[in-house]
PDB file of all heavy atoms in Angstrom:
ATOM      1  N   THR A   1       0.805  -1.221   0.000  1.00  0.00           N
ATOM      2  CA  THR A   1       0.000   0.000   0.000  1.00  0.00           C
ATOM      3  C   THR A   1       0.838   1.271   0.000  1.00  0.00           C
ATOM      4  O   THR A   1       0.283   2.355  -0.023  1.00  0.00           O
ATOM      5  CB  THR A   1      -0.941   0.028   1.217  1.00  0.00           C
ATOM      6  OG1 THR A   1      -0.154  -0.035   2.406  1.00  0.00           O
ATOM      7  CG2 THR A   1      -1.918  -1.124   1.173  1.00  0.00           C
ATOM      8  N   GLY A   2       2.149   1.167   0.027  1.00  0.00           N
ATOM      9  CA  GLY A   2       2.984   2.356   0.039  1.00  0.00           C
ATOM     10  C   GLY A   2       2.892   3.137  -1.259  1.00  0.00           C
ATOM     11  O   GLY A   2       2.696   2.568  -2.332  1.00  0.00           O
ATOM     12  N   THR A   3       3.033   4.446  -1.183  1.00  0.00           N
ATOM     13  CA  THR A   3       2.924   5.281  -2.380  1.00  0.00           C
ATOM     14  C   THR A   3       4.082   5.047  -3.343  1.00  0.00           C
ATOM     15  O   THR A   3       3.957   5.285  -4.533  1.00  0.00           O
ATOM     16  CB  THR A   3       2.884   6.774  -1.994  1.00  0.00           C
ATOM     17  OG1 THR A   3       4.047   7.079  -1.218  1.00  0.00           O
ATOM     18  CG2 THR A   3       1.643   7.082  -1.185  1.00  0.00           C
ATOM     19  N   GLU A   4       5.204   4.584  -2.845  1.00  0.00           N
ATOM     20  CA  GLU A   4       6.359   4.324  -3.700  1.00  0.00           C
ATOM     21  C   GLU A   4       6.360   2.908  -4.260  1.00  0.00           C
ATOM     22  O   GLU A   4       7.287   2.519  -4.962  1.00  0.00           O
ATOM     23  CB  GLU A   4       7.652   4.561  -2.908  1.00  0.00           C
ATOM     24  CG  GLU A   4       7.850   5.998  -2.472  1.00  0.00           C
ATOM     25  CD  GLU A   4       8.047   6.935  -3.642  1.00  0.00           C
ATOM     26  OE1 GLU A   4       8.789   6.574  -4.578  1.00  0.00           O
ATOM     27  OE2 GLU A   4       7.451   8.020  -3.637  1.00  0.00           O
ATOM     28  N   GLY A   5       5.361   2.090  -3.934  1.00  0.00           N
ATOM     29  CA  GLY A   5       5.300   0.727  -4.446  1.00  0.00           C
ATOM     30  C   GLY A   5       6.230  -0.192  -3.681  1.00  0.00           C
ATOM     31  O   GLY A   5       6.528   0.026  -2.515  1.00  0.00           O
ATOM     32  N   ALA A   6       6.687  -1.238  -4.355  1.00  0.00           N
ATOM     33  CA  ALA A   6       7.590  -2.213  -3.743  1.00  0.00           C
ATOM     34  C   ALA A   6       8.964  -2.085  -4.381  1.00  0.00           C
ATOM     35  O   ALA A   6       9.074  -1.927  -5.599  1.00  0.00           O
ATOM     36  CB  ALA A   6       7.051  -3.628  -3.936  1.00  0.00           C
ATOM     37  N   VAL A   7      10.002  -2.177  -3.576  1.00  0.00           N
ATOM     38  CA  VAL A   7      11.374  -2.087  -4.065  1.00  0.00           C
ATOM     39  C   VAL A   7      12.055  -3.418  -3.792  1.00  0.00           C
ATOM     40  O   VAL A   7      12.027  -3.918  -2.671  1.00  0.00           O
ATOM     41  CB  VAL A   7      12.142  -0.943  -3.350  1.00  0.00           C
ATOM     42  CG1 VAL A   7      13.584  -0.900  -3.811  1.00  0.00           C
ATOM     43  CG2 VAL A   7      11.455   0.387  -3.602  1.00  0.00           C
ATOM     44  N   PHE A   8      12.641  -4.010  -4.831  1.00  0.00           N
ATOM     45  CA  PHE A   8      13.328  -5.287  -4.716  1.00  0.00           C
ATOM     46  C   PHE A   8      14.795  -5.070  -5.027  1.00  0.00           C
ATOM     47  O   PHE A   8      15.134  -4.501  -6.064  1.00  0.00           O
ATOM     48  CB  PHE A   8      12.726  -6.321  -5.675  1.00  0.00           C
ATOM     49  CG  PHE A   8      11.271  -6.585  -5.419  1.00  0.00           C
ATOM     50  CD1 PHE A   8      10.290  -5.938  -6.136  1.00  0.00           C
ATOM     51  CD2 PHE A   8      10.889  -7.477  -4.436  1.00  0.00           C
ATOM     52  CE1 PHE A   8       8.951  -6.174  -5.893  1.00  0.00           C
ATOM     53  CE2 PHE A   8       9.548  -7.718  -4.178  1.00  0.00           C
ATOM     54  CZ  PHE A   8       8.584  -7.066  -4.910  1.00  0.00           C
ATOM     55  N   GLY A   9      15.674  -5.548  -4.148  1.00  0.00           N
ATOM     56  CA  GLY A   9      17.105  -5.379  -4.348  1.00  0.00           C
ATOM     57  C   GLY A   9      17.683  -6.337  -5.368  1.00  0.00           C
ATOM     58  O   GLY A   9      18.717  -6.059  -5.966  1.00  0.00           O
ATOM     59  N   HIS A  10      17.024  -7.459  -5.584  1.00  0.00           N
ATOM     60  CA  HIS A  10      17.524  -8.463  -6.527  1.00  0.00           C
ATOM     61  C   HIS A  10      16.356  -8.972  -7.362  1.00  0.00           C
ATOM     62  O   HIS A  10      15.366  -8.286  -7.520  1.00  0.00           O
ATOM     63  CB  HIS A  10      18.236  -9.586  -5.767  1.00  0.00           C
ATOM     64  CG  HIS A  10      19.435  -9.099  -5.016  1.00  0.00           C
ATOM     65  ND1 HIS A  10      20.611  -8.757  -5.633  1.00  0.00           N
ATOM     66  CD2 HIS A  10      19.632  -8.852  -3.697  1.00  0.00           C
ATOM     67  CE1 HIS A  10      21.486  -8.347  -4.729  1.00  0.00           C
ATOM     68  NE2 HIS A  10      20.902  -8.392  -3.541  1.00  0.00           N
ATOM     69  N   SER A  11      16.434 -10.174  -7.845  1.00  0.00           N
ATOM     70  CA  SER A  11      15.424 -10.681  -8.771  1.00  0.00           C
ATOM     71  C   SER A  11      14.112 -10.995  -8.065  1.00  0.00           C
ATOM     72  O   SER A  11      14.071 -11.208  -6.859  1.00  0.00           O
ATOM     73  CB  SER A  11      15.947 -11.926  -9.476  1.00  0.00           C
ATOM     74  OG  SER A  11      16.129 -12.964  -8.539  1.00  0.00           O
ATOM     75  N   VAL A  12      13.043 -11.014  -8.859  1.00  0.00           N
ATOM     76  CA  VAL A  12      11.709 -11.339  -8.389  1.00  0.00           C
ATOM     77  C   VAL A  12      11.157 -12.421  -9.299  1.00  0.00           C
ATOM     78  O   VAL A  12      11.236 -12.311 -10.518  1.00  0.00           O
ATOM     79  CB  VAL A  12      10.783 -10.108  -8.441  1.00  0.00           C
ATOM     80  CG1 VAL A  12       9.376 -10.480  -8.018  1.00  0.00           C
ATOM     81  CG2 VAL A  12      11.320  -9.001  -7.575  1.00  0.00           C
ATOM     82  N   GLU A  13      10.616 -13.477  -8.705  1.00  0.00           N
ATOM     83  CA  GLU A  13       9.972 -14.538  -9.475  1.00  0.00           C
ATOM     84  C   GLU A  13       8.514 -14.603  -9.054  1.00  0.00           C
ATOM     85  O   GLU A  13       8.214 -14.731  -7.871  1.00  0.00           O
ATOM     86  CB  GLU A  13      10.629 -15.889  -9.200  1.00  0.00           C
ATOM     87  CG  GLU A  13      12.050 -15.985  -9.693  1.00  0.00           C
ATOM     88  CD  GLU A  13      12.649 -17.360  -9.439  1.00  0.00           C
ATOM     89  OE1 GLU A  13      11.889 -18.359  -9.487  1.00  0.00           O
ATOM     90  OE2 GLU A  13      13.854 -17.410  -9.183  1.00  0.00           O
ATOM     91  N   THR A  14       7.625 -14.496 -10.030  1.00  0.00           N
ATOM     92  CA  THR A  14       6.203 -14.571  -9.730  1.00  0.00           C
ATOM     93  C   THR A  14       5.442 -15.007 -10.979  1.00  0.00           C
ATOM     94  O   THR A  14       5.824 -14.656 -12.085  1.00  0.00           O
ATOM     95  CB  THR A  14       5.652 -13.218  -9.230  1.00  0.00           C
ATOM     96  OG1 THR A  14       4.260 -13.354  -8.955  1.00  0.00           O
ATOM     97  CG2 THR A  14       5.865 -12.111 -10.228  1.00  0.00           C
ATOM     98  N   PRO A  15       4.371 -15.771 -10.802  1.00  0.00           N
ATOM     99  CA  PRO A  15       3.583 -16.155 -11.967  1.00  0.00           C
ATOM    100  C   PRO A  15       2.574 -15.085 -12.385  1.00  0.00           C
ATOM    101  O   PRO A  15       1.977 -15.176 -13.436  1.00  0.00           O
ATOM    102  CB  PRO A  15       2.865 -17.422 -11.503  1.00  0.00           C
ATOM    103  CG  PRO A  15       2.744 -17.256 -10.040  1.00  0.00           C
ATOM    104  CD  PRO A  15       3.968 -16.495  -9.598  1.00  0.00           C
ATOM    105  N   HIS A  16       2.371 -14.048 -11.551  1.00  0.00           N
ATOM    106  CA  HIS A  16       1.307 -13.098 -11.861  1.00  0.00           C
ATOM    107  C   HIS A  16       1.585 -11.751 -11.194  1.00  0.00           C
ATOM    108  O   HIS A  16       1.873 -11.692  -9.998  1.00  0.00           O
ATOM    109  CB  HIS A  16      -0.022 -13.670 -11.334  1.00  0.00           C
ATOM    110  CG  HIS A  16      -1.217 -12.903 -11.769  1.00  0.00           C
ATOM    111  ND1 HIS A  16      -2.089 -13.365 -12.712  1.00  0.00           N
ATOM    112  CD2 HIS A  16      -1.697 -11.711 -11.390  1.00  0.00           C
ATOM    113  CE1 HIS A  16      -3.053 -12.487 -12.890  1.00  0.00           C
ATOM    114  NE2 HIS A  16      -2.835 -11.475 -12.091  1.00  0.00           N
ATOM    115  N   ILE A  17       1.500 -10.676 -11.964  1.00  0.00           N
ATOM    116  CA  ILE A  17       1.574  -9.313 -11.421  1.00  0.00           C
ATOM    117  C   ILE A  17       0.404  -8.550 -12.013  1.00  0.00           C
ATOM    118  O   ILE A  17       0.195  -8.570 -13.224  1.00  0.00           O
ATOM    119  CB  ILE A  17       2.887  -8.598 -11.808  1.00  0.00           C
ATOM    120  CG1 ILE A  17       4.093  -9.309 -11.219  1.00  0.00           C
ATOM    121  CG2 ILE A  17       2.869  -7.151 -11.326  1.00  0.00           C
ATOM    122  CD1 ILE A  17       5.407  -8.709 -11.659  1.00  0.00           C
ATOM    123  N   ARG A  18      -0.375  -7.878 -11.151  1.00  0.00           N
ATOM    124  CA  ARG A  18      -1.466  -7.060 -11.665  1.00  0.00           C
ATOM    125  C   ARG A  18      -1.706  -5.898 -10.713  1.00  0.00           C
ATOM    126  O   ARG A  18      -1.374  -5.959  -9.533  1.00  0.00           O
ATOM    127  CB  ARG A  18      -2.733  -7.869 -11.875  1.00  0.00           C
ATOM    128  CG  ARG A  18      -3.477  -8.228 -10.637  1.00  0.00           C
ATOM    129  CD  ARG A  18      -4.785  -8.952 -10.981  1.00  0.00           C
ATOM    130  NE  ARG A  18      -5.349  -9.538  -9.796  1.00  0.00           N
ATOM    131  CZ  ARG A  18      -6.244  -8.923  -9.028  1.00  0.00           C
ATOM    132  NH1 ARG A  18      -6.688  -7.742  -9.341  1.00  0.00           N
ATOM    133  NH2 ARG A  18      -6.702  -9.508  -7.945  1.00  0.00           N
ATOM    134  N   ALA A  19      -2.286  -4.854 -11.258  1.00  0.00           N
ATOM    135  CA  ALA A  19      -2.642  -3.687 -10.453  1.00  0.00           C
ATOM    136  C   ALA A  19      -4.058  -3.851  -9.930  1.00  0.00           C
ATOM    137  O   ALA A  19      -4.825  -4.689 -10.415  1.00  0.00           O
ATOM    138  CB  ALA A  19      -2.538  -2.422 -11.297  1.00  0.00           C
ATOM    139  N   GLU A  20      -4.416  -3.047  -8.956  1.00  0.00           N
ATOM    140  CA  GLU A  20      -5.789  -3.017  -8.452  1.00  0.00           C
ATOM    141  C   GLU A  20      -6.722  -2.556  -9.572  1.00  0.00           C
ATOM    142  O   GLU A  20      -6.287  -1.852 -10.485  1.00  0.00           O
ATOM    143  CB  GLU A  20      -5.893  -2.049  -7.270  1.00  0.00           C
ATOM    144  CG  GLU A  20      -5.264  -2.555  -5.996  1.00  0.00           C
ATOM    145  CD  GLU A  20      -6.056  -3.680  -5.371  1.00  0.00           C
ATOM    146  OE1 GLU A  20      -7.291  -3.613  -5.337  1.00  0.00           O
ATOM    147  OE2 GLU A  20      -5.428  -4.647  -4.924  1.00  0.00           O
ATOM    148  N   PRO A  21      -7.991  -2.911  -9.509  1.00  0.00           N
ATOM    149  CA  PRO A  21      -8.928  -2.434 -10.528  1.00  0.00           C
ATOM    150  C   PRO A  21      -8.901  -0.907 -10.614  1.00  0.00           C
ATOM    151  O   PRO A  21      -8.831  -0.226  -9.605  1.00  0.00           O
ATOM    152  CB  PRO A  21     -10.290  -2.933 -10.027  1.00  0.00           C
ATOM    153  CG  PRO A  21      -9.960  -4.105  -9.175  1.00  0.00           C
ATOM    154  CD  PRO A  21      -8.632  -3.792  -8.549  1.00  0.00           C
ATOM    155  N   SER A  22      -8.939  -0.407 -11.828  1.00  0.00           N
ATOM    156  CA  SER A  22      -8.898   1.033 -12.166  1.00  0.00           C
ATOM    157  C   SER A  22      -7.587   1.706 -11.762  1.00  0.00           C
ATOM    158  O   SER A  22      -7.525   2.921 -11.652  1.00  0.00           O
ATOM    159  CB  SER A  22     -10.092   1.779 -11.554  1.00  0.00           C
ATOM    160  OG  SER A  22      -9.925   1.962 -10.153  1.00  0.00           O
ATOM    161  N   GLN A  23      -6.535   0.935 -11.541  1.00  0.00           N
ATOM    162  CA  GLN A  23      -5.212   1.496 -11.256  1.00  0.00           C
ATOM    163  C   GLN A  23      -4.240   1.077 -12.359  1.00  0.00           C
ATOM    164  O   GLN A  23      -4.379   0.004 -12.938  1.00  0.00           O
ATOM    165  CB  GLN A  23      -4.689   0.990  -9.905  1.00  0.00           C
ATOM    166  CG  GLN A  23      -5.501   1.407  -8.706  1.00  0.00           C
ATOM    167  CD  GLN A  23      -5.394   2.886  -8.429  1.00  0.00           C
ATOM    168  OE1 GLN A  23      -4.339   3.484  -8.558  1.00  0.00           O
ATOM    169  NE2 GLN A  23      -6.506   3.490  -8.054  1.00  0.00           N
ATOM    170  N   ASP A  24      -3.250   1.916 -12.635  1.00  0.00           N
ATOM    171  CA  ASP A  24      -2.230   1.588 -13.629  1.00  0.00           C
ATOM    172  C   ASP A  24      -1.180   0.689 -13.009  1.00  0.00           C
ATOM    173  O   ASP A  24      -0.853   0.809 -11.823  1.00  0.00           O
ATOM    174  CB  ASP A  24      -1.538   2.857 -14.142  1.00  0.00           C
ATOM    175  CG  ASP A  24      -2.467   3.736 -14.956  1.00  0.00           C
ATOM    176  OD1 ASP A  24      -3.451   3.199 -15.499  1.00  0.00           O
ATOM    177  OD2 ASP A  24      -2.202   4.943 -15.045  1.00  0.00           O
ATOM    178  N   LEU A  25      -0.633  -0.221 -13.818  1.00  0.00           N
ATOM    179  CA  LEU A  25       0.498  -1.045 -13.395  1.00  0.00           C
ATOM    180  C   LEU A  25       1.741  -0.481 -14.056  1.00  0.00           C
ATOM    181  O   LEU A  25       1.783  -0.286 -15.265  1.00  0.00           O
ATOM    182  CB  LEU A  25       0.302  -2.507 -13.820  1.00  0.00           C
ATOM    183  CG  LEU A  25       1.479  -3.442 -13.518  1.00  0.00           C
ATOM    184  CD1 LEU A  25       1.694  -3.558 -12.006  1.00  0.00           C
ATOM    185  CD2 LEU A  25       1.244  -4.808 -14.117  1.00  0.00           C
ATOM    186  N   LYS A  26       2.759  -0.210 -13.251  1.00  0.00           N
ATOM    187  CA  LYS A  26       3.974   0.397 -13.770  1.00  0.00           C
ATOM    188  C   LYS A  26       5.167  -0.399 -13.259  1.00  0.00           C
ATOM    189  O   LYS A  26       5.341  -0.543 -12.052  1.00  0.00           O
ATOM    190  CB  LYS A  26       4.054   1.846 -13.296  1.00  0.00           C
ATOM    191  CG  LYS A  26       5.200   2.628 -13.860  1.00  0.00           C
ATOM    192  CD  LYS A  26       5.098   4.084 -13.405  1.00  0.00           C
ATOM    193  CE  LYS A  26       6.143   4.922 -14.049  1.00  0.00           C
ATOM    194  NZ  LYS A  26       6.067   6.327 -13.595  1.00  0.00           N
ATOM    195  N   LEU A  27       5.945  -0.952 -14.167  1.00  0.00           N
ATOM    196  CA  LEU A  27       7.202  -1.612 -13.829  1.00  0.00           C
ATOM    197  C   LEU A  27       8.304  -0.649 -14.229  1.00  0.00           C
ATOM    198  O   LEU A  27       8.385  -0.251 -15.390  1.00  0.00           O
ATOM    199  CB  LEU A  27       7.344  -2.946 -14.570  1.00  0.00           C
ATOM    200  CG  LEU A  27       6.261  -3.985 -14.311  1.00  0.00           C
ATOM    201  CD1 LEU A  27       6.497  -5.211 -15.174  1.00  0.00           C
ATOM    202  CD2 LEU A  27       6.230  -4.374 -12.858  1.00  0.00           C
ATOM    203  N   GLU A  28       9.161  -0.303 -13.286  1.00  0.00           N
ATOM    204  CA  GLU A  28      10.119   0.762 -13.545  1.00  0.00           C
ATOM    205  C   GLU A  28      11.456   0.442 -12.901  1.00  0.00           C
ATOM    206  O   GLU A  28      11.518  -0.089 -11.794  1.00  0.00           O
ATOM    207  CB  GLU A  28       9.556   2.069 -12.961  1.00  0.00           C
ATOM    208  CG  GLU A  28      10.432   3.259 -13.141  1.00  0.00           C
ATOM    209  CD  GLU A  28       9.804   4.507 -12.539  1.00  0.00           C
ATOM    210  OE1 GLU A  28       9.305   4.438 -11.403  1.00  0.00           O
ATOM    211  OE2 GLU A  28       9.830   5.548 -13.207  1.00  0.00           O
ATOM    212  N   SER A  29      12.513   0.770 -13.612  1.00  0.00           N
ATOM    213  CA  SER A  29      13.859   0.721 -13.068  1.00  0.00           C
ATOM    214  C   SER A  29      14.510   2.066 -13.371  1.00  0.00           C
ATOM    215  O   SER A  29      15.024   2.275 -14.473  1.00  0.00           O
ATOM    216  CB  SER A  29      14.654  -0.424 -13.695  1.00  0.00           C
ATOM    217  OG  SER A  29      15.962  -0.445 -13.171  1.00  0.00           O
ATOM    218  N   PRO A  30      14.460   3.019 -12.439  1.00  0.00           N
ATOM    219  CA  PRO A  30      14.871   4.394 -12.739  1.00  0.00           C
ATOM    220  C   PRO A  30      16.345   4.555 -13.125  1.00  0.00           C
ATOM    221  O   PRO A  30      16.680   5.441 -13.891  1.00  0.00           O
ATOM    222  CB  PRO A  30      14.580   5.164 -11.458  1.00  0.00           C
ATOM    223  CG  PRO A  30      13.756   4.278 -10.616  1.00  0.00           C
ATOM    224  CD  PRO A  30      13.952   2.888 -11.089  1.00  0.00           C
ATOM    225  N   THR A  31      17.233   3.703 -12.603  1.00  0.00           N
ATOM    226  CA  THR A  31      18.659   3.914 -12.870  1.00  0.00           C
ATOM    227  C   THR A  31      19.329   2.759 -13.585  1.00  0.00           C
ATOM    228  O   THR A  31      20.484   2.877 -13.982  1.00  0.00           O
ATOM    229  CB  THR A  31      19.420   4.165 -11.549  1.00  0.00           C
ATOM    230  OG1 THR A  31      19.258   3.022 -10.700  1.00  0.00           O
ATOM    231  CG2 THR A  31      18.904   5.406 -10.860  1.00  0.00           C
ATOM    232  N   ARG A  32      18.647   1.636 -13.749  1.00  0.00           N
ATOM    233  CA  ARG A  32      19.242   0.467 -14.408  1.00  0.00           C
ATOM    234  C   ARG A  32      18.275  -0.077 -15.450  1.00  0.00           C
ATOM    235  O   ARG A  32      17.293   0.569 -15.787  1.00  0.00           O
ATOM    236  CB  ARG A  32      19.564  -0.619 -13.357  1.00  0.00           C
ATOM    237  CG  ARG A  32      20.474  -0.174 -12.227  1.00  0.00           C
ATOM    238  CD  ARG A  32      21.879   0.005 -12.700  1.00  0.00           C
ATOM    239  NE  ARG A  32      22.402  -1.263 -13.154  1.00  0.00           N
ATOM    240  CZ  ARG A  32      23.549  -1.772 -12.822  1.00  0.00           C
ATOM    241  NH1 ARG A  32      24.325  -1.122 -12.024  1.00  0.00           N
ATOM    242  NH2 ARG A  32      23.945  -2.920 -13.299  1.00  0.00           N
ATOM    243  N   SER A  33      18.510  -1.288 -15.913  1.00  0.00           N
ATOM    244  CA  SER A  33      17.637  -1.871 -16.920  1.00  0.00           C
ATOM    245  C   SER A  33      16.560  -2.731 -16.266  1.00  0.00           C
ATOM    246  O   SER A  33      16.709  -3.173 -15.131  1.00  0.00           O
ATOM    247  CB  SER A  33      18.448  -2.706 -17.905  1.00  0.00           C
ATOM    248  OG  SER A  33      19.110  -3.746 -17.224  1.00  0.00           O
ATOM    249  N   LEU A  34      15.499  -2.973 -17.001  1.00  0.00           N
ATOM    250  CA  LEU A  34      14.410  -3.834 -16.558  1.00  0.00           C
ATOM    251  C   LEU A  34      14.387  -5.035 -17.482  1.00  0.00           C
ATOM    252  O   LEU A  34      14.267  -4.885 -18.692  1.00  0.00           O
ATOM    253  CB  LEU A  34      13.070  -3.092 -16.614  1.00  0.00           C
ATOM    254  CG  LEU A  34      11.823  -3.881 -16.235  1.00  0.00           C
ATOM    255  CD1 LEU A  34      11.895  -4.310 -14.782  1.00  0.00           C
ATOM    256  CD2 LEU A  34      10.579  -3.065 -16.482  1.00  0.00           C
ATOM    257  N   VAL A  35      14.538  -6.227 -16.922  1.00  0.00           N
ATOM    258  CA  VAL A  35      14.617  -7.451 -17.719  1.00  0.00           C
ATOM    259  C   VAL A  35      13.501  -8.384 -17.284  1.00  0.00           C
ATOM    260  O   VAL A  35      13.323  -8.625 -16.091  1.00  0.00           O
ATOM    261  CB  VAL A  35      15.991  -8.148 -17.524  1.00  0.00           C
ATOM    262  CG1 VAL A  35      16.045  -9.442 -18.302  1.00  0.00           C
ATOM    263  CG2 VAL A  35      17.120  -7.221 -17.933  1.00  0.00           C
ATOM    264  N   MET A  36      12.741  -8.900 -18.262  1.00  0.00           N
ATOM    265  CA  MET A  36      11.734  -9.921 -17.994  1.00  0.00           C
ATOM    266  C   MET A  36      12.120 -11.132 -18.833  1.00  0.00           C
ATOM    267  O   MET A  36      12.273 -11.022 -20.049  1.00  0.00           O
ATOM    268  CB  MET A  36      10.340  -9.431 -18.377  1.00  0.00           C
ATOM    269  CG  MET A  36       9.832  -8.337 -17.464  1.00  0.00           C
ATOM    270  SD  MET A  36       8.097  -7.905 -17.778  1.00  0.00           S
ATOM    271  CE  MET A  36       8.238  -7.024 -19.309  1.00  0.00           C
ATOM    272  N   GLU A  37      12.292 -12.279 -18.180  1.00  0.00           N
ATOM    273  CA  GLU A  37      12.727 -13.481 -18.866  1.00  0.00           C
ATOM    274  C   GLU A  37      11.834 -14.651 -18.479  1.00  0.00           C
ATOM    275  O   GLU A  37      11.387 -14.742 -17.341  1.00  0.00           O
ATOM    276  CB  GLU A  37      14.159 -13.850 -18.476  1.00  0.00           C
ATOM    277  CG  GLU A  37      15.206 -12.868 -18.913  1.00  0.00           C
ATOM    278  CD  GLU A  37      16.585 -13.335 -18.484  1.00  0.00           C
ATOM    279  OE1 GLU A  37      16.970 -13.037 -17.346  1.00  0.00           O
ATOM    280  OE2 GLU A  37      17.247 -14.006 -19.296  1.00  0.00           O
ATOM    281  N   ALA A  38      11.609 -15.546 -19.443  1.00  0.00           N
ATOM    282  CA  ALA A  38      10.900 -16.792 -19.182  1.00  0.00           C
ATOM    283  C   ALA A  38      11.287 -17.779 -20.270  1.00  0.00           C
ATOM    284  O   ALA A  38      11.425 -17.392 -21.429  1.00  0.00           O
ATOM    285  CB  ALA A  38       9.398 -16.581 -19.174  1.00  0.00           C
ATOM    286  N   PRO A  39      11.487 -19.040 -19.937  1.00  0.00           N
ATOM    287  CA  PRO A  39      11.906 -20.006 -20.945  1.00  0.00           C
ATOM    288  C   PRO A  39      10.849 -20.260 -22.019  1.00  0.00           C
ATOM    289  O   PRO A  39      11.189 -20.617 -23.137  1.00  0.00           O
ATOM    290  CB  PRO A  39      12.193 -21.273 -20.141  1.00  0.00           C
ATOM    291  CG  PRO A  39      11.479 -21.107 -18.862  1.00  0.00           C
ATOM    292  CD  PRO A  39      11.392 -19.638 -18.603  1.00  0.00           C
ATOM    293  N   ARG A  40       9.582 -20.034 -21.687  1.00  0.00           N
ATOM    294  CA  ARG A  40       8.523 -20.261 -22.666  1.00  0.00           C
ATOM    295  C   ARG A  40       7.864 -18.963 -23.108  1.00  0.00           C
ATOM    296  O   ARG A  40       6.764 -18.973 -23.636  1.00  0.00           O
ATOM    297  CB  ARG A  40       7.483 -21.222 -22.101  1.00  0.00           C
ATOM    298  CG  ARG A  40       8.057 -22.608 -21.921  1.00  0.00           C
ATOM    299  CD  ARG A  40       7.120 -23.633 -21.388  1.00  0.00           C
ATOM    300  NE  ARG A  40       5.709 -23.289 -21.472  1.00  0.00           N
ATOM    301  CZ  ARG A  40       4.764 -23.997 -20.926  1.00  0.00           C
ATOM    302  NH1 ARG A  40       5.061 -25.076 -20.248  1.00  0.00           N
ATOM    303  NH2 ARG A  40       3.506 -23.633 -21.022  1.00  0.00           N
ATOM    304  N   GLY A  41       8.475 -17.829 -22.887  1.00  0.00           N
ATOM    305  CA  GLY A  41       7.963 -16.558 -23.383  1.00  0.00           C
ATOM    306  C   GLY A  41       7.419 -15.668 -22.290  1.00  0.00           C
ATOM    307  O   GLY A  41       7.094 -16.113 -21.200  1.00  0.00           O
ATOM    308  N   VAL A  42       7.347 -14.389 -22.613  1.00  0.00           N
ATOM    309  CA  VAL A  42       6.799 -13.374 -21.718  1.00  0.00           C
ATOM    310  C   VAL A  42       5.612 -12.751 -22.435  1.00  0.00           C
ATOM    311  O   VAL A  42       5.718 -12.357 -23.593  1.00  0.00           O
ATOM    312  CB  VAL A  42       7.845 -12.285 -21.384  1.00  0.00           C
ATOM    313  CG1 VAL A  42       7.224 -11.174 -20.564  1.00  0.00           C
ATOM    314  CG2 VAL A  42       9.028 -12.885 -20.657  1.00  0.00           C
ATOM    315  N   GLN A  43       4.484 -12.676 -21.751  1.00  0.00           N
ATOM    316  CA  GLN A  43       3.293 -12.067 -22.338  1.00  0.00           C
ATOM    317  C   GLN A  43       2.929 -10.841 -21.522  1.00  0.00           C
ATOM    318  O   GLN A  43       2.782 -10.907 -20.308  1.00  0.00           O
ATOM    319  CB  GLN A  43       2.129 -13.042 -22.344  1.00  0.00           C
ATOM    320  CG  GLN A  43       0.868 -12.440 -22.908  1.00  0.00           C
ATOM    321  CD  GLN A  43      -0.298 -13.412 -22.897  1.00  0.00           C
ATOM    322  OE1 GLN A  43      -0.128 -14.592 -22.671  1.00  0.00           O
ATOM    323  NE2 GLN A  43      -1.482 -12.903 -23.140  1.00  0.00           N
ATOM    324  N   VAL A  44       2.799  -9.708 -22.212  1.00  0.00           N
ATOM    325  CA  VAL A  44       2.343  -8.474 -21.584  1.00  0.00           C
ATOM    326  C   VAL A  44       1.086  -8.078 -22.338  1.00  0.00           C
ATOM    327  O   VAL A  44       1.119  -7.915 -23.565  1.00  0.00           O
ATOM    328  CB  VAL A  44       3.410  -7.367 -21.675  1.00  0.00           C
ATOM    329  CG1 VAL A  44       2.911  -6.095 -21.038  1.00  0.00           C
ATOM    330  CG2 VAL A  44       4.714  -7.817 -21.031  1.00  0.00           C
ATOM    331  N   SER A  45      -0.027  -7.931 -21.630  1.00  0.00           N
ATOM    332  CA  SER A  45      -1.271  -7.596 -22.325  1.00  0.00           C
ATOM    333  C   SER A  45      -2.035  -6.547 -21.536  1.00  0.00           C
ATOM    334  O   SER A  45      -1.934  -6.453 -20.320  1.00  0.00           O
ATOM    335  CB  SER A  45      -2.128  -8.848 -22.520  1.00  0.00           C
ATOM    336  OG  SER A  45      -2.522  -9.360 -21.273  1.00  0.00           O
TER     337      SER A  45
END
C-alpha cells in the first residue's frame, strides 16, 4: 500500500503481477535496466 510501491534489491519470481482495478500497473527501473525473462515466453497484455 505504500505510495512508492515495492522495491526489490535483486530478482523477483512470480507467476502473476497485476494492479488493483482502475489502477495503472507500472514496472520501472529508474537507474538500471528492466529485464523480464521466461523459458517459454513473456506475455504483456
